[in-house]
């Protein structure tokens, strides 16, 4: 992640995480949300490196015990060895007793997790004193009919409170130029930045992919300066055009 440039949204996410860590026990919860492609995963990877956080990435169908094993493995990789064997209750007990106090845990793609798993993570945060940040599409905005889930949802919302960052598409050509283009291509013209912003719609994932395509095109063609023609050609190349 050494090539990551701190955007305005990334800076807000970092401040939110620092607030989570400094919050009183039983309120050390935060949330990073936003539409697909707005840079949530890139930001969580960067935050992990910058803040020394413990990060795991959930996947569809992940069970409670698997989540705990991934968390124990991530702690071990970070230099806090926790045995991954045993029952779910044993793993929770180990995580609470060994090393979670004052640590920041980031769960990316948390929208894939079932409510019992999220409740389990909240307990680890509450009892163990860890900061917990969940990232993904906004599962807390969903409406549920099951009474138990509604109660848990409200508890989670109350703990998150204002500690929430909503990732947004980049809307300014100057921001695209500063955070995506300049680190790769040096100074670019306003026209080039505007053309790039128009092609990507400010979507972070597509912006990174288009920048990659521009780099490949410029390397193949021996072009030294990014311009509108390069942006147009690379975008057409990505779309399967000529």
C-alpha atoms as a PDB file:
ATOM      1  CA  UNK A   1       0.000   0.000   0.000  1.00  0.00           C
ATOM      2  CA  UNK A   2       3.001   2.307  -0.294  1.00  0.00           C
ATOM      3  CA  UNK A   3       1.512   3.852  -3.458  1.00  0.00           C
ATOM      4  CA  UNK A   4      -1.748   4.833  -1.732  1.00  0.00           C
ATOM      5  CA  UNK A   5      -2.346   8.577  -1.637  1.00  0.00           C
ATOM      6  CA  UNK A   6      -4.427   9.856   1.280  1.00  0.00           C
ATOM      7  CA  UNK A   7      -7.637  11.259  -0.160  1.00  0.00           C
ATOM      8  CA  UNK A   8     -10.089  13.499   1.671  1.00  0.00           C
ATOM      9  CA  UNK A   9     -12.328  10.480   2.340  1.00  0.00           C
ATOM     10  CA  UNK A  10      -9.369   8.398   3.551  1.00  0.00           C
ATOM     11  CA  UNK A  11      -8.413  11.191   5.938  1.00  0.00           C
ATOM     12  CA  UNK A  12     -11.940  11.236   7.333  1.00  0.00           C
ATOM     13  CA  UNK A  13     -11.843   7.458   7.763  1.00  0.00           C
ATOM     14  CA  UNK A  14      -8.566   7.708   9.671  1.00  0.00           C
ATOM     15  CA  UNK A  15      -9.962  10.361  12.020  1.00  0.00           C
ATOM     16  CA  UNK A  16     -13.029   8.197  12.602  1.00  0.00           C
ATOM     17  CA  UNK A  17     -10.844   5.178  13.455  1.00  0.00           C
ATOM     18  CA  UNK A  18      -8.800   7.260  15.889  1.00  0.00           C
ATOM     19  CA  UNK A  19     -12.059   8.383  17.503  1.00  0.00           C
ATOM     20  CA  UNK A  20     -13.169   4.749  17.809  1.00  0.00           C
ATOM     21  CA  UNK A  21      -9.932   3.777  19.564  1.00  0.00           C
ATOM     22  CA  UNK A  22     -10.221   6.730  21.972  1.00  0.00           C
ATOM     23  CA  UNK A  23     -13.918   6.169  22.726  1.00  0.00           C
ATOM     24  CA  UNK A  24     -15.093   4.827  26.103  1.00  0.00           C
ATOM     25  CA  UNK A  25     -15.477   1.078  26.408  1.00  0.00           C
ATOM     26  CA  UNK A  26     -18.812  -0.228  25.073  1.00  0.00           C
ATOM     27  CA  UNK A  27     -18.870   2.455  22.387  1.00  0.00           C
ATOM     28  CA  UNK A  28     -15.747   1.580  20.381  1.00  0.00           C
ATOM     29  CA  UNK A  29     -17.619   0.861  17.165  1.00  0.00           C
ATOM     30  CA  UNK A  30     -17.357   2.616  13.804  1.00  0.00           C
ATOM     31  CA  UNK A  31     -18.506   2.108  10.244  1.00  0.00           C
ATOM     32  CA  UNK A  32     -17.158   2.729   6.751  1.00  0.00           C
ATOM     33  CA  UNK A  33     -19.809   2.377   4.105  1.00  0.00           C
ATOM     34  CA  UNK A  34     -20.515   3.391   0.530  1.00  0.00           C
ATOM     35  CA  UNK A  35     -21.516   2.065  -2.855  1.00  0.00           C
ATOM     36  CA  UNK A  36     -19.406  -0.599  -4.621  1.00  0.00           C
ATOM     37  CA  UNK A  37     -16.237   0.813  -6.162  1.00  0.00           C
ATOM     38  CA  UNK A  38     -15.902   3.855  -3.907  1.00  0.00           C
ATOM     39  CA  UNK A  39     -12.598   2.678  -2.424  1.00  0.00           C
ATOM     40  CA  UNK A  40     -13.622   1.023   0.850  1.00  0.00           C
ATOM     41  CA  UNK A  41     -11.210  -1.911   0.542  1.00  0.00           C
ATOM     42  CA  UNK A  42      -8.297   0.309  -0.514  1.00  0.00           C
ATOM     43  CA  UNK A  43      -8.942   2.532   2.490  1.00  0.00           C
ATOM     44  CA  UNK A  44      -9.207  -0.363   4.962  1.00  0.00           C
ATOM     45  CA  UNK A  45      -5.899  -1.802   3.720  1.00  0.00           C
ATOM     46  CA  UNK A  46      -4.271   1.623   4.102  1.00  0.00           C
ATOM     47  CA  UNK A  47      -5.755   2.126   7.568  1.00  0.00           C
ATOM     48  CA  UNK A  48      -4.435  -1.271   8.629  1.00  0.00           C
ATOM     49  CA  UNK A  49      -0.934  -0.260   7.626  1.00  0.00           C
ATOM     50  CA  UNK A  50      -1.139   3.260   9.042  1.00  0.00           C
ATOM     51  CA  UNK A  51      -2.757   2.423  12.375  1.00  0.00           C
ATOM     52  CA  UNK A  52      -1.404  -1.077  12.986  1.00  0.00           C
ATOM     53  CA  UNK A  53      -4.935  -2.471  12.848  1.00  0.00           C
ATOM     54  CA  UNK A  54      -5.980  -6.118  12.674  1.00  0.00           C
ATOM     55  CA  UNK A  55      -7.911  -6.604   9.424  1.00  0.00           C
ATOM     56  CA  UNK A  56      -9.862  -9.489   7.963  1.00  0.00           C
ATOM     57  CA  UNK A  57     -12.069  -9.655   4.898  1.00  0.00           C
ATOM     58  CA  UNK A  58     -15.371 -11.503   5.116  1.00  0.00           C
ATOM     59  CA  UNK A  59     -16.917 -13.501   2.302  1.00  0.00           C
ATOM     60  CA  UNK A  60     -20.401 -14.722   1.446  1.00  0.00           C
ATOM     61  CA  UNK A  61     -21.436 -17.591   3.702  1.00  0.00           C
ATOM     62  CA  UNK A  62     -18.690 -17.035   6.291  1.00  0.00           C
ATOM     63  CA  UNK A  63     -19.659 -18.767   9.539  1.00  0.00           C
ATOM     64  CA  UNK A  64     -19.020 -17.521  13.064  1.00  0.00           C
ATOM     65  CA  UNK A  65     -16.190 -19.937  13.837  1.00  0.00           C
ATOM     66  CA  UNK A  66     -14.467 -19.258  10.514  1.00  0.00           C
ATOM     67  CA  UNK A  67     -14.586 -15.531  11.246  1.00  0.00           C
ATOM     68  CA  UNK A  68     -13.007 -16.139  14.657  1.00  0.00           C
ATOM     69  CA  UNK A  69     -10.282 -18.320  13.138  1.00  0.00           C
ATOM     70  CA  UNK A  70      -9.505 -15.650  10.538  1.00  0.00           C
ATOM     71  CA  UNK A  71      -9.336 -13.066  13.303  1.00  0.00           C
ATOM     72  CA  UNK A  72      -6.997 -15.235  15.398  1.00  0.00           C
ATOM     73  CA  UNK A  73      -4.818 -15.805  12.317  1.00  0.00           C
ATOM     74  CA  UNK A  74      -4.688 -12.051  11.636  1.00  0.00           C
ATOM     75  CA  UNK A  75      -3.673 -11.380  15.246  1.00  0.00           C
ATOM     76  CA  UNK A  76      -0.911 -13.990  14.927  1.00  0.00           C
ATOM     77  CA  UNK A  77       0.369 -12.410  11.699  1.00  0.00           C
ATOM     78  CA  UNK A  78       0.503  -9.057  13.485  1.00  0.00           C
ATOM     79  CA  UNK A  79       2.675 -10.534  16.236  1.00  0.00           C
ATOM     80  CA  UNK A  80      -0.016 -11.440  18.771  1.00  0.00           C
ATOM     81  CA  UNK A  81      -0.161 -15.261  18.649  1.00  0.00           C
ATOM     82  CA  UNK A  82      -3.589 -16.713  19.385  1.00  0.00           C
ATOM     83  CA  UNK A  83      -4.329 -20.430  19.012  1.00  0.00           C
ATOM     84  CA  UNK A  84      -6.880 -20.974  16.218  1.00  0.00           C
ATOM     85  CA  UNK A  85      -8.084 -24.358  17.523  1.00  0.00           C
ATOM     86  CA  UNK A  86     -11.047 -25.056  19.777  1.00  0.00           C
ATOM     87  CA  UNK A  87     -14.713 -24.156  19.896  1.00  0.00           C
ATOM     88  CA  UNK A  88     -16.157 -20.757  19.040  1.00  0.00           C
ATOM     89  CA  UNK A  89     -16.545 -19.962  22.746  1.00  0.00           C
ATOM     90  CA  UNK A  90     -12.912 -20.892  23.387  1.00  0.00           C
ATOM     91  CA  UNK A  91     -11.756 -18.666  20.519  1.00  0.00           C
ATOM     92  CA  UNK A  92     -13.855 -15.743  21.773  1.00  0.00           C
ATOM     93  CA  UNK A  93     -12.399 -16.198  25.252  1.00  0.00           C
ATOM     94  CA  UNK A  94      -8.837 -16.195  23.881  1.00  0.00           C
ATOM     95  CA  UNK A  95      -9.446 -13.093  21.790  1.00  0.00           C
ATOM     96  CA  UNK A  96     -10.939 -11.236  24.753  1.00  0.00           C
ATOM     97  CA  UNK A  97      -8.187 -12.266  27.169  1.00  0.00           C
ATOM     98  CA  UNK A  98      -5.164 -11.898  24.919  1.00  0.00           C
ATOM     99  CA  UNK A  99      -4.354  -8.762  23.027  1.00  0.00           C
ATOM    100  CA  UNK A 100      -7.632  -7.101  22.049  1.00  0.00           C
ATOM    101  CA  UNK A 101      -7.521  -4.267  24.602  1.00  0.00           C
ATOM    102  CA  UNK A 102      -6.768  -1.033  22.768  1.00  0.00           C
ATOM    103  CA  UNK A 103      -6.356  -2.737  19.387  1.00  0.00           C
ATOM    104  CA  UNK A 104      -8.307  -1.726  16.289  1.00  0.00           C
ATOM    105  CA  UNK A 105     -10.110  -4.517  14.424  1.00  0.00           C
ATOM    106  CA  UNK A 106     -11.317  -3.796  10.882  1.00  0.00           C
ATOM    107  CA  UNK A 107     -13.782  -6.146   9.197  1.00  0.00           C
ATOM    108  CA  UNK A 108     -13.989  -5.492   5.454  1.00  0.00           C
ATOM    109  CA  UNK A 109     -16.981  -6.777   3.442  1.00  0.00           C
ATOM    110  CA  UNK A 110     -18.859  -7.013   6.746  1.00  0.00           C
ATOM    111  CA  UNK A 111     -22.169  -6.963   4.877  1.00  0.00           C
ATOM    112  CA  UNK A 112     -21.535 -10.674   4.135  1.00  0.00           C
ATOM    113  CA  UNK A 113     -21.687 -11.576   7.827  1.00  0.00           C
ATOM    114  CA  UNK A 114     -24.789 -12.862   9.557  1.00  0.00           C
ATOM    115  CA  UNK A 115     -26.200 -10.959  12.508  1.00  0.00           C
ATOM    116  CA  UNK A 116     -25.026 -13.543  15.111  1.00  0.00           C
ATOM    117  CA  UNK A 117     -21.467 -13.075  13.834  1.00  0.00           C
ATOM    118  CA  UNK A 118     -21.707  -9.298  14.096  1.00  0.00           C
ATOM    119  CA  UNK A 119     -23.162  -9.618  17.586  1.00  0.00           C
ATOM    120  CA  UNK A 120     -20.219 -11.856  18.500  1.00  0.00           C
ATOM    121  CA  UNK A 121     -17.755  -9.254  17.190  1.00  0.00           C
ATOM    122  CA  UNK A 122     -19.544  -6.535  19.146  1.00  0.00           C
ATOM    123  CA  UNK A 123     -19.122  -8.619  22.306  1.00  0.00           C
ATOM    124  CA  UNK A 124     -15.385  -8.989  21.648  1.00  0.00           C
ATOM    125  CA  UNK A 125     -15.186  -5.207  21.318  1.00  0.00           C
ATOM    126  CA  UNK A 126     -17.321  -4.518  24.395  1.00  0.00           C
ATOM    127  CA  UNK A 127     -15.701  -7.030  26.742  1.00  0.00           C
ATOM    128  CA  UNK A 128     -12.178  -7.079  25.341  1.00  0.00           C
ATOM    129  CA  UNK A 129     -11.863  -3.330  24.847  1.00  0.00           C
ATOM    130  CA  UNK A 130     -10.982  -3.458  21.152  1.00  0.00           C
ATOM    131  CA  UNK A 131     -12.058  -0.856  18.650  1.00  0.00           C
ATOM    132  CA  UNK A 132     -14.198  -2.406  15.907  1.00  0.00           C
ATOM    133  CA  UNK A 133     -14.792  -0.858  12.486  1.00  0.00           C
ATOM    134  CA  UNK A 134     -17.058  -2.625  10.021  1.00  0.00           C
ATOM    135  CA  UNK A 135     -16.722  -1.763   6.339  1.00  0.00           C
ATOM    136  CA  UNK A 136     -19.023  -2.624   3.452  1.00  0.00           C
ATOM    137  CA  UNK A 137     -22.365  -1.663   2.015  1.00  0.00           C
ATOM    138  CA  UNK A 138     -24.668  -0.198   4.634  1.00  0.00           C
ATOM    139  CA  UNK A 139     -26.181  -3.204   6.415  1.00  0.00           C
ATOM    140  CA  UNK A 140     -27.254  -0.950   9.296  1.00  0.00           C
ATOM    141  CA  UNK A 141     -29.630   0.896   6.978  1.00  0.00           C
ATOM    142  CA  UNK A 142     -31.583  -2.264   6.201  1.00  0.00           C
ATOM    143  CA  UNK A 143     -34.969  -2.884   7.752  1.00  0.00           C
ATOM    144  CA  UNK A 144     -35.632  -6.190   9.526  1.00  0.00           C
ATOM    145  CA  UNK A 145     -38.816  -7.677  10.934  1.00  0.00           C
ATOM    146  CA  UNK A 146     -37.317 -10.161  13.405  1.00  0.00           C
ATOM    147  CA  UNK A 147     -37.584  -8.561  16.892  1.00  0.00           C
ATOM    148  CA  UNK A 148     -34.211  -9.866  18.108  1.00  0.00           C
ATOM    149  CA  UNK A 149     -32.424  -8.502  15.039  1.00  0.00           C
ATOM    150  CA  UNK A 150     -34.163  -5.134  15.454  1.00  0.00           C
ATOM    151  CA  UNK A 151     -32.893  -4.889  19.048  1.00  0.00           C
ATOM    152  CA  UNK A 152     -29.352  -5.805  18.020  1.00  0.00           C
ATOM    153  CA  UNK A 153     -29.476  -3.370  15.106  1.00  0.00           C
ATOM    154  CA  UNK A 154     -30.446  -0.527  17.418  1.00  0.00           C
ATOM    155  CA  UNK A 155     -27.660  -1.418  19.869  1.00  0.00           C
ATOM    156  CA  UNK A 156     -25.154  -1.429  17.038  1.00  0.00           C
ATOM    157  CA  UNK A 157     -26.395   1.907  15.675  1.00  0.00           C
ATOM    158  CA  UNK A 158     -26.204   3.525  19.110  1.00  0.00           C
ATOM    159  CA  UNK A 159     -22.613   2.391  19.569  1.00  0.00           C
ATOM    160  CA  UNK A 160     -21.601   3.608  16.104  1.00  0.00           C
ATOM    161  CA  UNK A 161     -23.365   6.959  16.537  1.00  0.00           C
ATOM    162  CA  UNK A 162     -21.520   9.592  14.528  1.00  0.00           C
ATOM    163  CA  UNK A 163     -18.436   7.380  14.055  1.00  0.00           C
ATOM    164  CA  UNK A 164     -19.357   6.679  10.456  1.00  0.00           C
ATOM    165  CA  UNK A 165     -17.797   7.570   7.111  1.00  0.00           C
ATOM    166  CA  UNK A 166     -19.735   7.245   3.857  1.00  0.00           C
ATOM    167  CA  UNK A 167     -17.357   6.823   0.926  1.00  0.00           C
ATOM    168  CA  UNK A 168     -18.451   8.940  -2.039  1.00  0.00           C
ATOM    169  CA  UNK A 169     -17.401   9.022  -5.693  1.00  0.00           C
ATOM    170  CA  UNK A 170     -14.785  11.678  -6.458  1.00  0.00           C
ATOM    171  CA  UNK A 171     -16.620  14.671  -7.909  1.00  0.00           C
ATOM    172  CA  UNK A 172     -13.830  17.141  -8.588  1.00  0.00           C
ATOM    173  CA  UNK A 173     -11.331  16.939 -11.464  1.00  0.00           C
ATOM    174  CA  UNK A 174      -8.670  18.516  -9.264  1.00  0.00           C
ATOM    175  CA  UNK A 175      -9.098  15.744  -6.706  1.00  0.00           C
ATOM    176  CA  UNK A 176      -8.811  13.087  -9.421  1.00  0.00           C
ATOM    177  CA  UNK A 177      -5.656  14.803 -10.671  1.00  0.00           C
ATOM    178  CA  UNK A 178      -4.101  15.006  -7.201  1.00  0.00           C
ATOM    179  CA  UNK A 179      -4.974  11.553  -5.868  1.00  0.00           C
ATOM    180  CA  UNK A 180      -5.082   9.277  -8.920  1.00  0.00           C
ATOM    181  CA  UNK A 181      -3.214  10.878 -11.818  1.00  0.00           C
ATOM    182  CA  UNK A 182      -0.342  12.922 -10.359  1.00  0.00           C
ATOM    183  CA  UNK A 183       1.239  10.017  -8.415  1.00  0.00           C
ATOM    184  CA  UNK A 184       1.481   8.052 -11.681  1.00  0.00           C
ATOM    185  CA  UNK A 185       1.803  10.633 -14.437  1.00  0.00           C
ATOM    186  CA  UNK A 186       3.068  13.800 -12.772  1.00  0.00           C
ATOM    187  CA  UNK A 187       1.307  17.054 -13.575  1.00  0.00           C
ATOM    188  CA  UNK A 188      -1.677  16.776 -15.917  1.00  0.00           C
ATOM    189  CA  UNK A 189      -3.801  19.400 -17.628  1.00  0.00           C
ATOM    190  CA  UNK A 190      -7.253  20.355 -16.409  1.00  0.00           C
ATOM    191  CA  UNK A 191      -8.662  19.001 -19.683  1.00  0.00           C
ATOM    192  CA  UNK A 192      -7.046  15.603 -19.154  1.00  0.00           C
ATOM    193  CA  UNK A 193      -8.242  15.412 -15.555  1.00  0.00           C
ATOM    194  CA  UNK A 194     -11.770  16.418 -16.588  1.00  0.00           C
ATOM    195  CA  UNK A 195     -11.831  13.798 -19.351  1.00  0.00           C
ATOM    196  CA  UNK A 196     -10.616  11.170 -16.885  1.00  0.00           C
ATOM    197  CA  UNK A 197     -13.256  12.146 -14.308  1.00  0.00           C
ATOM    198  CA  UNK A 198     -15.986  12.011 -16.949  1.00  0.00           C
ATOM    199  CA  UNK A 199     -14.973   8.522 -18.082  1.00  0.00           C
ATOM    200  CA  UNK A 200     -14.840   7.112 -14.552  1.00  0.00           C
ATOM    201  CA  UNK A 201     -17.787   8.915 -13.015  1.00  0.00           C
ATOM    202  CA  UNK A 202     -15.592   9.404  -9.958  1.00  0.00           C
ATOM    203  CA  UNK A 203     -15.723   5.684  -9.133  1.00  0.00           C
ATOM    204  CA  UNK A 204     -12.466   4.898  -7.331  1.00  0.00           C
ATOM    205  CA  UNK A 205     -12.188   1.285  -8.537  1.00  0.00           C
ATOM    206  CA  UNK A 206     -12.773   2.250 -12.166  1.00  0.00           C
ATOM    207  CA  UNK A 207     -10.407   5.218 -11.819  1.00  0.00           C
ATOM    208  CA  UNK A 208      -7.579   2.933 -10.681  1.00  0.00           C
ATOM    209  CA  UNK A 209      -8.347   0.473 -13.492  1.00  0.00           C
ATOM    210  CA  UNK A 210      -8.414   3.249 -16.106  1.00  0.00           C
ATOM    211  CA  UNK A 211      -5.133   4.669 -14.796  1.00  0.00           C
ATOM    212  CA  UNK A 212      -3.614   1.184 -15.168  1.00  0.00           C
ATOM    213  CA  UNK A 213      -4.911   1.004 -18.737  1.00  0.00           C
ATOM    214  CA  UNK A 214      -3.497   4.452 -19.524  1.00  0.00           C
ATOM    215  CA  UNK A 215      -0.096   3.375 -18.192  1.00  0.00           C
ATOM    216  CA  UNK A 216      -0.084   0.230 -20.330  1.00  0.00           C
ATOM    217  CA  UNK A 217      -1.129   2.165 -23.420  1.00  0.00           C
ATOM    218  CA  UNK A 218       1.506   4.839 -22.893  1.00  0.00           C
ATOM    219  CA  UNK A 219       4.186   2.185 -22.361  1.00  0.00           C
ATOM    220  CA  UNK A 220       3.161   0.254 -25.478  1.00  0.00           C
ATOM    221  CA  UNK A 221       3.001   3.362 -27.665  1.00  0.00           C
ATOM    222  CA  UNK A 222       5.985   5.206 -26.197  1.00  0.00           C
ATOM    223  CA  UNK A 223       3.799   8.111 -25.041  1.00  0.00           C
ATOM    224  CA  UNK A 224       5.327  10.237 -22.295  1.00  0.00           C
ATOM    225  CA  UNK A 225       2.470  12.597 -21.390  1.00  0.00           C
ATOM    226  CA  UNK A 226      -1.077  11.746 -20.377  1.00  0.00           C
ATOM    227  CA  UNK A 227      -3.644  13.615 -22.459  1.00  0.00           C
ATOM    228  CA  UNK A 228      -7.299  13.358 -23.443  1.00  0.00           C
ATOM    229  CA  UNK A 229      -6.510  11.093 -26.405  1.00  0.00           C
ATOM    230  CA  UNK A 230      -4.794   8.592 -24.134  1.00  0.00           C
ATOM    231  CA  UNK A 231      -7.752   8.664 -21.726  1.00  0.00           C
ATOM    232  CA  UNK A 232     -10.270   8.162 -24.542  1.00  0.00           C
ATOM    233  CA  UNK A 233      -8.271   5.349 -26.146  1.00  0.00           C
ATOM    234  CA  UNK A 234      -7.644   3.537 -22.867  1.00  0.00           C
ATOM    235  CA  UNK A 235     -11.325   3.792 -21.910  1.00  0.00           C
ATOM    236  CA  UNK A 236     -12.342   2.377 -25.303  1.00  0.00           C
ATOM    237  CA  UNK A 237      -9.752  -0.373 -24.872  1.00  0.00           C
ATOM    238  CA  UNK A 238     -11.276  -1.309 -21.505  1.00  0.00           C
ATOM    239  CA  UNK A 239     -14.759  -1.310 -22.999  1.00  0.00           C
ATOM    240  CA  UNK A 240     -13.622  -3.635 -25.777  1.00  0.00           C
ATOM    241  CA  UNK A 241     -13.568  -0.917 -28.428  1.00  0.00           C
ATOM    242  CA  UNK A 242     -10.830  -0.126 -30.890  1.00  0.00           C
END
